[in-house]
Amino acid sequence: MTYNTDYDDCLLILKIMNSPLSKIKFLLFTFFLILYTSPAFAYLDPGTGSILIQGLIGGFAATVAFGSIYWQKVKAFFSKDISNKDNSDKD
């Protein structure tokens, strides 16, 4: 009988990762990694704020544009439905 070693290895890794002890180790590792921080000594110049504001304005404009297109389609769908009902009532 032949075994697919890659598949068996994946199953073994999944079994190990699903064990409760492994989850606790991962959480502890993540917790200590977050606690271990060092100063970044970063400088944020005025251009950075400008880029952030442009991104927010662009995101808002994209949302409004998408919403207006979607709103027009919904409005068109219901206006066709109402006009068809009006025509059927006249007949």
PDB file of N, CA and C in Angstrom:
ATOM      1  N   MET A   1       0.854  -1.178   0.000  1.00  0.00           N
ATOM      2  CA  MET A   1       0.000   0.000   0.000  1.00  0.00           C
ATOM      3  C   MET A   1       0.897   1.237   0.000  1.00  0.00           C
ATOM      4  N   THR A   2       0.612   2.176  -0.887  1.00  0.00           N
ATOM      5  CA  THR A   2       1.427   3.386  -0.973  1.00  0.00           C
ATOM      6  C   THR A   2       0.728   4.530  -0.255  1.00  0.00           C
ATOM      7  N   TYR A   3       1.517   5.389   0.294  1.00  0.00           N
ATOM      8  CA  TYR A   3       0.992   6.543   1.012  1.00  0.00           C
ATOM      9  C   TYR A   3       1.454   7.814   0.328  1.00  0.00           C
ATOM     10  N   ASN A   4       0.574   8.774   0.304  1.00  0.00           N
ATOM     11  CA  ASN A   4       0.931  10.094  -0.190  1.00  0.00           C
ATOM     12  C   ASN A   4       1.514  10.857   0.995  1.00  0.00           C
ATOM     13  N   THR A   5       2.808  11.024   1.006  1.00  0.00           N
ATOM     14  CA  THR A   5       3.462  11.606   2.182  1.00  0.00           C
ATOM     15  C   THR A   5       3.058  13.049   2.407  1.00  0.00           C
ATOM     16  N   ASP A   6       2.824  13.796   1.326  1.00  0.00           N
ATOM     17  CA  ASP A   6       2.419  15.192   1.495  1.00  0.00           C
ATOM     18  C   ASP A   6       1.055  15.265   2.181  1.00  0.00           C
ATOM     19  N   TYR A   7       0.153  14.408   1.755  1.00  0.00           N
ATOM     20  CA  TYR A   7      -1.185  14.383   2.344  1.00  0.00           C
ATOM     21  C   TYR A   7      -1.115  13.956   3.806  1.00  0.00           C
ATOM     22  N   ASP A   8      -0.310  12.915   4.091  1.00  0.00           N
ATOM     23  CA  ASP A   8      -0.168  12.447   5.470  1.00  0.00           C
ATOM     24  C   ASP A   8       0.461  13.521   6.353  1.00  0.00           C
ATOM     25  N   ASP A   9       1.438  14.239   5.799  1.00  0.00           N
ATOM     26  CA  ASP A   9       2.063  15.314   6.567  1.00  0.00           C
ATOM     27  C   ASP A   9       1.061  16.418   6.875  1.00  0.00           C
ATOM     28  N   CYS A  10       0.221  16.736   5.886  1.00  0.00           N
ATOM     29  CA  CYS A  10      -0.792  17.771   6.100  1.00  0.00           C
ATOM     30  C   CYS A  10      -1.786  17.343   7.171  1.00  0.00           C
ATOM     31  N   LEU A  11      -2.184  16.086   7.139  1.00  0.00           N
ATOM     32  CA  LEU A  11      -3.108  15.590   8.162  1.00  0.00           C
ATOM     33  C   LEU A  11      -2.486  15.641   9.546  1.00  0.00           C
ATOM     34  N   LEU A  12      -1.208  15.283   9.633  1.00  0.00           N
ATOM     35  CA  LEU A  12      -0.520  15.324  10.918  1.00  0.00           C
ATOM     36  C   LEU A  12      -0.441  16.757  11.438  1.00  0.00           C
ATOM     37  N   ILE A  13      -0.132  17.690  10.550  1.00  0.00           N
ATOM     38  CA  ILE A  13      -0.052  19.098  10.959  1.00  0.00           C
ATOM     39  C   ILE A  13      -1.413  19.590  11.423  1.00  0.00           C
ATOM     40  N   LEU A  14      -2.471  19.210  10.697  1.00  0.00           N
ATOM     41  CA  LEU A  14      -3.817  19.624  11.106  1.00  0.00           C
ATOM     42  C   LEU A  14      -4.199  19.043  12.457  1.00  0.00           C
ATOM     43  N   LYS A  15      -3.828  17.798  12.715  1.00  0.00           N
ATOM     44  CA  LYS A  15      -4.126  17.188  14.018  1.00  0.00           C
ATOM     45  C   LYS A  15      -3.397  17.921  15.138  1.00  0.00           C
ATOM     46  N   ILE A  16      -2.146  18.279  14.874  1.00  0.00           N
ATOM     47  CA  ILE A  16      -1.359  18.993  15.890  1.00  0.00           C
ATOM     48  C   ILE A  16      -1.939  20.379  16.128  1.00  0.00           C
ATOM     49  N   MET A  17      -2.329  21.071  15.033  1.00  0.00           N
ATOM     50  CA  MET A  17      -2.845  22.428  15.167  1.00  0.00           C
ATOM     51  C   MET A  17      -4.203  22.469  15.849  1.00  0.00           C
ATOM     52  N   ASN A  18      -4.976  21.399  15.746  1.00  0.00           N
ATOM     53  CA  ASN A  18      -6.298  21.378  16.358  1.00  0.00           C
ATOM     54  C   ASN A  18      -6.276  20.966  17.822  1.00  0.00           C
ATOM     55  N   SER A  19      -5.118  20.600  18.323  1.00  0.00           N
ATOM     56  CA  SER A  19      -5.062  20.229  19.732  1.00  0.00           C
ATOM     57  C   SER A  19      -5.162  21.482  20.599  1.00  0.00           C
ATOM     58  N   PRO A  20      -5.820  21.372  21.755  1.00  0.00           N
ATOM     59  CA  PRO A  20      -5.990  22.552  22.625  1.00  0.00           C
ATOM     60  C   PRO A  20      -4.657  23.141  23.101  1.00  0.00           C
ATOM     61  N   LEU A  21      -3.671  22.290  23.334  1.00  0.00           N
ATOM     62  CA  LEU A  21      -2.372  22.782  23.803  1.00  0.00           C
ATOM     63  C   LEU A  21      -1.707  23.645  22.730  1.00  0.00           C
ATOM     64  N   SER A  22      -1.863  23.259  21.492  1.00  0.00           N
ATOM     65  CA  SER A  22      -1.290  24.031  20.402  1.00  0.00           C
ATOM     66  C   SER A  22      -1.922  25.408  20.307  1.00  0.00           C
ATOM     67  N   LYS A  23      -3.234  25.476  20.522  1.00  0.00           N
ATOM     68  CA  LYS A  23      -3.921  26.762  20.470  1.00  0.00           C
ATOM     69  C   LYS A  23      -3.444  27.679  21.587  1.00  0.00           C
ATOM     70  N   ILE A  24      -3.223  27.114  22.754  1.00  0.00           N
ATOM     71  CA  ILE A  24      -2.733  27.904  23.890  1.00  0.00           C
ATOM     72  C   ILE A  24      -1.322  28.406  23.603  1.00  0.00           C
ATOM     73  N   LYS A  25      -0.489  27.545  23.028  1.00  0.00           N
ATOM     74  CA  LYS A  25       0.875  27.968  22.693  1.00  0.00           C
ATOM     75  C   LYS A  25       0.848  29.102  21.678  1.00  0.00           C
ATOM     76  N   PHE A  26      -0.023  28.986  20.685  1.00  0.00           N
ATOM     77  CA  PHE A  26      -0.123  30.033  19.664  1.00  0.00           C
ATOM     78  C   PHE A  26      -0.586  31.342  20.285  1.00  0.00           C
ATOM     79  N   LEU A  27      -1.586  31.282  21.171  1.00  0.00           N
ATOM     80  CA  LEU A  27      -2.067  32.500  21.823  1.00  0.00           C
ATOM     81  C   LEU A  27      -0.991  33.134  22.694  1.00  0.00           C
ATOM     82  N   LEU A  28      -0.259  32.307  23.436  1.00  0.00           N
ATOM     83  CA  LEU A  28       0.824  32.837  24.266  1.00  0.00           C
ATOM     84  C   LEU A  28       1.921  33.457  23.406  1.00  0.00           C
ATOM     85  N   PHE A  29       2.278  32.793  22.318  1.00  0.00           N
ATOM     86  CA  PHE A  29       3.292  33.335  21.416  1.00  0.00           C
ATOM     87  C   PHE A  29       2.854  34.682  20.852  1.00  0.00           C
ATOM     88  N   THR A  30       1.593  34.771  20.420  1.00  0.00           N
ATOM     89  CA  THR A  30       1.065  36.023  19.884  1.00  0.00           C
ATOM     90  C   THR A  30       1.043  37.108  20.950  1.00  0.00           C
ATOM     91  N   PHE A  31       0.631  36.747  22.153  1.00  0.00           N
ATOM     92  CA  PHE A  31       0.564  37.707  23.261  1.00  0.00           C
ATOM     93  C   PHE A  31       1.951  38.270  23.573  1.00  0.00           C
ATOM     94  N   PHE A  32       2.946  37.405  23.670  1.00  0.00           N
ATOM     95  CA  PHE A  32       4.299  37.875  23.981  1.00  0.00           C
ATOM     96  C   PHE A  32       4.903  38.654  22.825  1.00  0.00           C
ATOM     97  N   LEU A  33       4.528  38.303  21.616  1.00  0.00           N
ATOM     98  CA  LEU A  33       5.014  39.044  20.457  1.00  0.00           C
ATOM     99  C   LEU A  33       4.464  40.462  20.456  1.00  0.00           C
ATOM    100  N   ILE A  34       3.220  40.611  20.881  1.00  0.00           N
ATOM    101  CA  ILE A  34       2.618  41.944  20.965  1.00  0.00           C
ATOM    102  C   ILE A  34       3.251  42.752  22.091  1.00  0.00           C
ATOM    103  N   LEU A  35       3.544  42.089  23.205  1.00  0.00           N
ATOM    104  CA  LEU A  35       4.149  42.792  24.337  1.00  0.00           C
ATOM    105  C   LEU A  35       5.578  43.254  24.045  1.00  0.00           C
ATOM    106  N   TYR A  36       6.276  42.499  23.220  1.00  0.00           N
ATOM    107  CA  TYR A  36       7.660  42.830  22.913  1.00  0.00           C
ATOM    108  C   TYR A  36       7.690  43.841  21.770  1.00  0.00           C
ATOM    109  N   THR A  37       7.696  45.082  22.133  1.00  0.00           N
ATOM    110  CA  THR A  37       7.731  46.144  21.122  1.00  0.00           C
ATOM    111  C   THR A  37       8.977  46.990  21.319  1.00  0.00           C
ATOM    112  N   SER A  38       9.387  47.603  20.260  1.00  0.00           N
ATOM    113  CA  SER A  38      10.525  48.515  20.338  1.00  0.00           C
ATOM    114  C   SER A  38      10.113  49.839  19.709  1.00  0.00           C
ATOM    115  N   PRO A  39      10.747  50.932  20.101  1.00  0.00           N
ATOM    116  CA  PRO A  39      10.385  52.225  19.528  1.00  0.00           C
ATOM    117  C   PRO A  39      10.663  52.253  18.023  1.00  0.00           C
ATOM    118  N   ALA A  40       9.787  52.909  17.284  1.00  0.00           N
ATOM    119  CA  ALA A  40       9.921  52.939  15.832  1.00  0.00           C
ATOM    120  C   ALA A  40      10.753  54.120  15.364  1.00  0.00           C
ATOM    121  N   PHE A  41      10.818  55.190  16.133  1.00  0.00           N
ATOM    122  CA  PHE A  41      11.514  56.410  15.747  1.00  0.00           C
ATOM    123  C   PHE A  41      11.048  56.873  14.362  1.00  0.00           C
ATOM    124  N   ALA A  42       9.739  56.849  14.164  1.00  0.00           N
ATOM    125  CA  ALA A  42       9.177  57.221  12.868  1.00  0.00           C
ATOM    126  C   ALA A  42       8.787  58.694  12.888  1.00  0.00           C
ATOM    127  N   TYR A  43       8.864  59.292  11.709  1.00  0.00           N
ATOM    128  CA  TYR A  43       8.477  60.683  11.551  1.00  0.00           C
ATOM    129  C   TYR A  43       7.350  60.755  10.543  1.00  0.00           C
ATOM    130  N   LEU A  44       6.253  61.352  10.944  1.00  0.00           N
ATOM    131  CA  LEU A  44       5.126  61.534  10.045  1.00  0.00           C
ATOM    132  C   LEU A  44       5.084  62.996   9.642  1.00  0.00           C
ATOM    133  N   ASP A  45       5.428  63.256   8.396  1.00  0.00           N
ATOM    134  CA  ASP A  45       5.445  64.632   7.921  1.00  0.00           C
ATOM    135  C   ASP A  45       4.041  65.053   7.476  1.00  0.00           C
ATOM    136  N   PRO A  46       3.833  66.325   7.184  1.00  0.00           N
ATOM    137  CA  PRO A  46       2.503  66.793   6.776  1.00  0.00           C
ATOM    138  C   PRO A  46       1.979  66.101   5.521  1.00  0.00           C
ATOM    139  N   GLY A  47       2.850  65.635   4.649  1.00  0.00           N
ATOM    140  CA  GLY A  47       2.417  64.927   3.448  1.00  0.00           C
ATOM    141  C   GLY A  47       1.676  63.639   3.777  1.00  0.00           C
ATOM    142  N   THR A  48       2.033  63.001   4.880  1.00  0.00           N
ATOM    143  CA  THR A  48       1.359  61.774   5.287  1.00  0.00           C
ATOM    144  C   THR A  48      -0.094  62.045   5.628  1.00  0.00           C
ATOM    145  N   GLY A  49      -0.349  63.119   6.345  1.00  0.00           N
ATOM    146  CA  GLY A  49      -1.726  63.491   6.667  1.00  0.00           C
ATOM    147  C   GLY A  49      -2.520  63.814   5.420  1.00  0.00           C
ATOM    148  N   SER A  50      -1.874  64.460   4.469  1.00  0.00           N
ATOM    149  CA  SER A  50      -2.526  64.793   3.209  1.00  0.00           C
ATOM    150  C   SER A  50      -2.915  63.527   2.456  1.00  0.00           C
ATOM    151  N   ILE A  51      -2.028  62.539   2.433  1.00  0.00           N
ATOM    152  CA  ILE A  51      -2.337  61.279   1.758  1.00  0.00           C
ATOM    153  C   ILE A  51      -3.495  60.570   2.450  1.00  0.00           C
ATOM    154  N   LEU A  52      -3.513  60.595   3.775  1.00  0.00           N
ATOM    155  CA  LEU A  52      -4.616  59.967   4.507  1.00  0.00           C
ATOM    156  C   LEU A  52      -5.950  60.649   4.196  1.00  0.00           C
ATOM    157  N   ILE A  53      -5.947  61.963   4.171  1.00  0.00           N
ATOM    158  CA  ILE A  53      -7.181  62.706   3.862  1.00  0.00           C
ATOM    159  C   ILE A  53      -7.628  62.423   2.433  1.00  0.00           C
ATOM    160  N   GLN A  54      -6.687  62.380   1.484  1.00  0.00           N
ATOM    161  CA  GLN A  54      -7.039  62.069   0.093  1.00  0.00           C
ATOM    162  C   GLN A  54      -7.624  60.671  -0.029  1.00  0.00           C
ATOM    163  N   GLY A  55      -7.074  59.733   0.722  1.00  0.00           N
ATOM    164  CA  GLY A  55      -7.600  58.372   0.698  1.00  0.00           C
ATOM    165  C   GLY A  55      -9.017  58.311   1.237  1.00  0.00           C
ATOM    166  N   LEU A  56      -9.274  59.023   2.328  1.00  0.00           N
ATOM    167  CA  LEU A  56     -10.629  59.053   2.897  1.00  0.00           C
ATOM    168  C   LEU A  56     -11.621  59.700   1.942  1.00  0.00           C
ATOM    169  N   ILE A  57     -11.226  60.816   1.332  1.00  0.00           N
ATOM    170  CA  ILE A  57     -12.107  61.495   0.372  1.00  0.00           C
ATOM    171  C   ILE A  57     -12.352  60.606  -0.847  1.00  0.00           C
ATOM    172  N   GLY A  58     -11.313  59.949  -1.339  1.00  0.00           N
ATOM    173  CA  GLY A  58     -11.461  59.039  -2.478  1.00  0.00           C
ATOM    174  C   GLY A  58     -12.359  57.864  -2.161  1.00  0.00           C
ATOM    175  N   GLY A  59     -12.218  57.305  -0.957  1.00  0.00           N
ATOM    176  CA  GLY A  59     -13.090  56.205  -0.541  1.00  0.00           C
ATOM    177  C   GLY A  59     -14.534  56.647  -0.436  1.00  0.00           C
ATOM    178  N   PHE A  60     -14.741  57.835   0.095  1.00  0.00           N
ATOM    179  CA  PHE A  60     -16.103  58.371   0.197  1.00  0.00           C
ATOM    180  C   PHE A  60     -16.696  58.604  -1.183  1.00  0.00           C
ATOM    181  N   ALA A  61     -15.896  59.161  -2.106  1.00  0.00           N
ATOM    182  CA  ALA A  61     -16.376  59.406  -3.471  1.00  0.00           C
ATOM    183  C   ALA A  61     -16.705  58.099  -4.183  1.00  0.00           C
ATOM    184  N   ALA A  62     -15.881  57.076  -3.993  1.00  0.00           N
ATOM    185  CA  ALA A  62     -16.149  55.778  -4.612  1.00  0.00           C
ATOM    186  C   ALA A  62     -17.421  55.159  -4.050  1.00  0.00           C
ATOM    187  N   THR A  63     -17.635  55.308  -2.751  1.00  0.00           N
ATOM    188  CA  THR A  63     -18.848  54.781  -2.128  1.00  0.00           C
ATOM    189  C   THR A  63     -20.083  55.498  -2.647  1.00  0.00           C
ATOM    190  N   VAL A  64     -20.008  56.812  -2.774  1.00  0.00           N
ATOM    191  CA  VAL A  64     -21.147  57.581  -3.295  1.00  0.00           C
ATOM    192  C   VAL A  64     -21.416  57.207  -4.750  1.00  0.00           C
ATOM    193  N   ALA A  65     -20.358  57.059  -5.556  1.00  0.00           N
ATOM    194  CA  ALA A  65     -20.529  56.703  -6.968  1.00  0.00           C
ATOM    195  C   ALA A  65     -21.159  55.316  -7.097  1.00  0.00           C
ATOM    196  N   PHE A  66     -20.660  54.356  -6.336  1.00  0.00           N
ATOM    197  CA  PHE A  66     -21.223  53.006  -6.367  1.00  0.00           C
ATOM    198  C   PHE A  66     -22.671  53.022  -5.899  1.00  0.00           C
ATOM    199  N   GLY A  67     -22.934  53.776  -4.841  1.00  0.00           N
ATOM    200  CA  GLY A  67     -24.304  53.865  -4.321  1.00  0.00           C
ATOM    201  C   GLY A  67     -25.250  54.503  -5.313  1.00  0.00           C
ATOM    202  N   SER A  68     -24.803  55.524  -6.031  1.00  0.00           N
ATOM    203  CA  SER A  68     -25.695  56.177  -6.993  1.00  0.00           C
ATOM    204  C   SER A  68     -25.999  55.251  -8.165  1.00  0.00           C
ATOM    205  N   ILE A  69     -25.018  54.494  -8.610  1.00  0.00           N
ATOM    206  CA  ILE A  69     -25.261  53.538  -9.698  1.00  0.00           C
ATOM    207  C   ILE A  69     -26.246  52.469  -9.225  1.00  0.00           C
ATOM    208  N   TYR A  70     -26.017  51.956  -8.057  1.00  0.00           N
ATOM    209  CA  TYR A  70     -26.897  50.923  -7.508  1.00  0.00           C
ATOM    210  C   TYR A  70     -28.302  51.486  -7.303  1.00  0.00           C
ATOM    211  N   TRP A  71     -28.394  52.697  -6.800  1.00  0.00           N
ATOM    212  CA  TRP A  71     -29.696  53.306  -6.544  1.00  0.00           C
ATOM    213  C   TRP A  71     -30.463  53.515  -7.844  1.00  0.00           C
ATOM    214  N   GLN A  72     -29.778  53.911  -8.892  1.00  0.00           N
ATOM    215  CA  GLN A  72     -30.434  54.100 -10.188  1.00  0.00           C
ATOM    216  C   GLN A  72     -30.986  52.776 -10.719  1.00  0.00           C
ATOM    217  N   LYS A  73     -30.254  51.692 -10.527  1.00  0.00           N
ATOM    218  CA  LYS A  73     -30.731  50.391 -10.986  1.00  0.00           C
ATOM    219  C   LYS A  73     -31.962  49.943 -10.202  1.00  0.00           C
ATOM    220  N   VAL A  74     -31.961  50.149  -8.907  1.00  0.00           N
ATOM    221  CA  VAL A  74     -33.113  49.777  -8.083  1.00  0.00           C
ATOM    222  C   VAL A  74     -34.312  50.634  -8.458  1.00  0.00           C
ATOM    223  N   LYS A  75     -34.088  51.915  -8.613  1.00  0.00           N
ATOM    224  CA  LYS A  75     -35.172  52.830  -8.976  1.00  0.00           C
ATOM    225  C   LYS A  75     -35.737  52.477 -10.351  1.00  0.00           C
ATOM    226  N   ALA A  76     -34.867  52.151 -11.297  1.00  0.00           N
ATOM    227  CA  ALA A  76     -35.312  51.776 -12.641  1.00  0.00           C
ATOM    228  C   ALA A  76     -36.108  50.469 -12.609  1.00  0.00           C
ATOM    229  N   PHE A  77     -35.677  49.533 -11.796  1.00  0.00           N
ATOM    230  CA  PHE A  77     -36.386  48.251 -11.693  1.00  0.00           C
ATOM    231  C   PHE A  77     -37.812  48.455 -11.201  1.00  0.00           C
ATOM    232  N   PHE A  78     -37.984  49.249 -10.159  1.00  0.00           N
ATOM    233  CA  PHE A  78     -39.323  49.455  -9.606  1.00  0.00           C
ATOM    234  C   PHE A  78     -40.170  50.374 -10.479  1.00  0.00           C
ATOM    235  N   SER A  79     -39.565  51.306 -11.189  1.00  0.00           N
ATOM    236  CA  SER A  79     -40.355  52.177 -12.054  1.00  0.00           C
ATOM    237  C   SER A  79     -40.885  51.395 -13.260  1.00  0.00           C
ATOM    238  N   LYS A  80     -40.130  50.425 -13.772  1.00  0.00           N
ATOM    239  CA  LYS A  80     -40.621  49.563 -14.848  1.00  0.00           C
ATOM    240  C   LYS A  80     -41.775  48.714 -14.353  1.00  0.00           C
ATOM    241  N   ASP A  81     -41.652  48.224 -13.149  1.00  0.00           N
ATOM    242  CA  ASP A  81     -42.682  47.371 -12.569  1.00  0.00           C
ATOM    243  C   ASP A  81     -43.978  48.154 -12.387  1.00  0.00           C
ATOM    244  N   ILE A  82     -43.895  49.381 -11.936  1.00  0.00           N
ATOM    245  CA  ILE A  82     -45.087  50.201 -11.717  1.00  0.00           C
ATOM    246  C   ILE A  82     -45.724  50.569 -13.049  1.00  0.00           C
ATOM    247  N   SER A  83     -44.931  50.917 -14.064  1.00  0.00           N
ATOM    248  CA  SER A  83     -45.494  51.291 -15.358  1.00  0.00           C
ATOM    249  C   SER A  83     -46.176  50.098 -16.022  1.00  0.00           C
ATOM    250  N   ASN A  84     -45.656  48.890 -15.830  1.00  0.00           N
ATOM    251  CA  ASN A  84     -46.294  47.699 -16.381  1.00  0.00           C
ATOM    252  C   ASN A  84     -47.639  47.440 -15.709  1.00  0.00           C
ATOM    253  N   LYS A  85     -47.731  47.684 -14.421  1.00  0.00           N
ATOM    254  CA  LYS A  85     -49.003  47.498 -13.714  1.00  0.00           C
ATOM    255  C   LYS A  85     -50.028  48.521 -14.179  1.00  0.00           C
ATOM    256  N   ASP A  86     -49.590  49.755 -14.436  1.00  0.00           N
ATOM    257  CA  ASP A  86     -50.503  50.791 -14.909  1.00  0.00           C
ATOM    258  C   ASP A  86     -51.058  50.425 -16.284  1.00  0.00           C
ATOM    259  N   ASN A  87     -50.236  49.912 -17.165  1.00  0.00           N
ATOM    260  CA  ASN A  87     -50.673  49.531 -18.507  1.00  0.00           C
ATOM    261  C   ASN A  87     -51.634  48.340 -18.460  1.00  0.00           C
ATOM    262  N   SER A  88     -51.402  47.404 -17.554  1.00  0.00           N
ATOM    263  CA  SER A  88     -52.274  46.233 -17.461  1.00  0.00           C
ATOM    264  C   SER A  88     -53.639  46.606 -16.873  1.00  0.00           C
ATOM    265  N   ASP A  89     -53.680  47.625 -16.017  1.00  0.00           N
ATOM    266  CA  ASP A  89     -54.945  48.072 -15.440  1.00  0.00           C
ATOM    267  C   ASP A  89     -55.809  48.758 -16.476  1.00  0.00           C
ATOM    268  N   LYS A  90     -55.212  49.438 -17.462  1.00  0.00           N
ATOM    269  CA  LYS A  90     -55.975  50.151 -18.494  1.00  0.00           C
ATOM    270  C   LYS A  90     -56.615  49.187 -19.475  1.00  0.00           C
ATOM    271  N   ASP A  91     -56.029  48.015 -19.667  1.00  0.00           N
ATOM    272  CA  ASP A  91     -56.587  47.066 -20.636  1.00  0.00           C
ATOM    273  C   ASP A  91     -57.775  46.370 -20.135  1.00  0.00           C
TER     274      ASP A  91
END
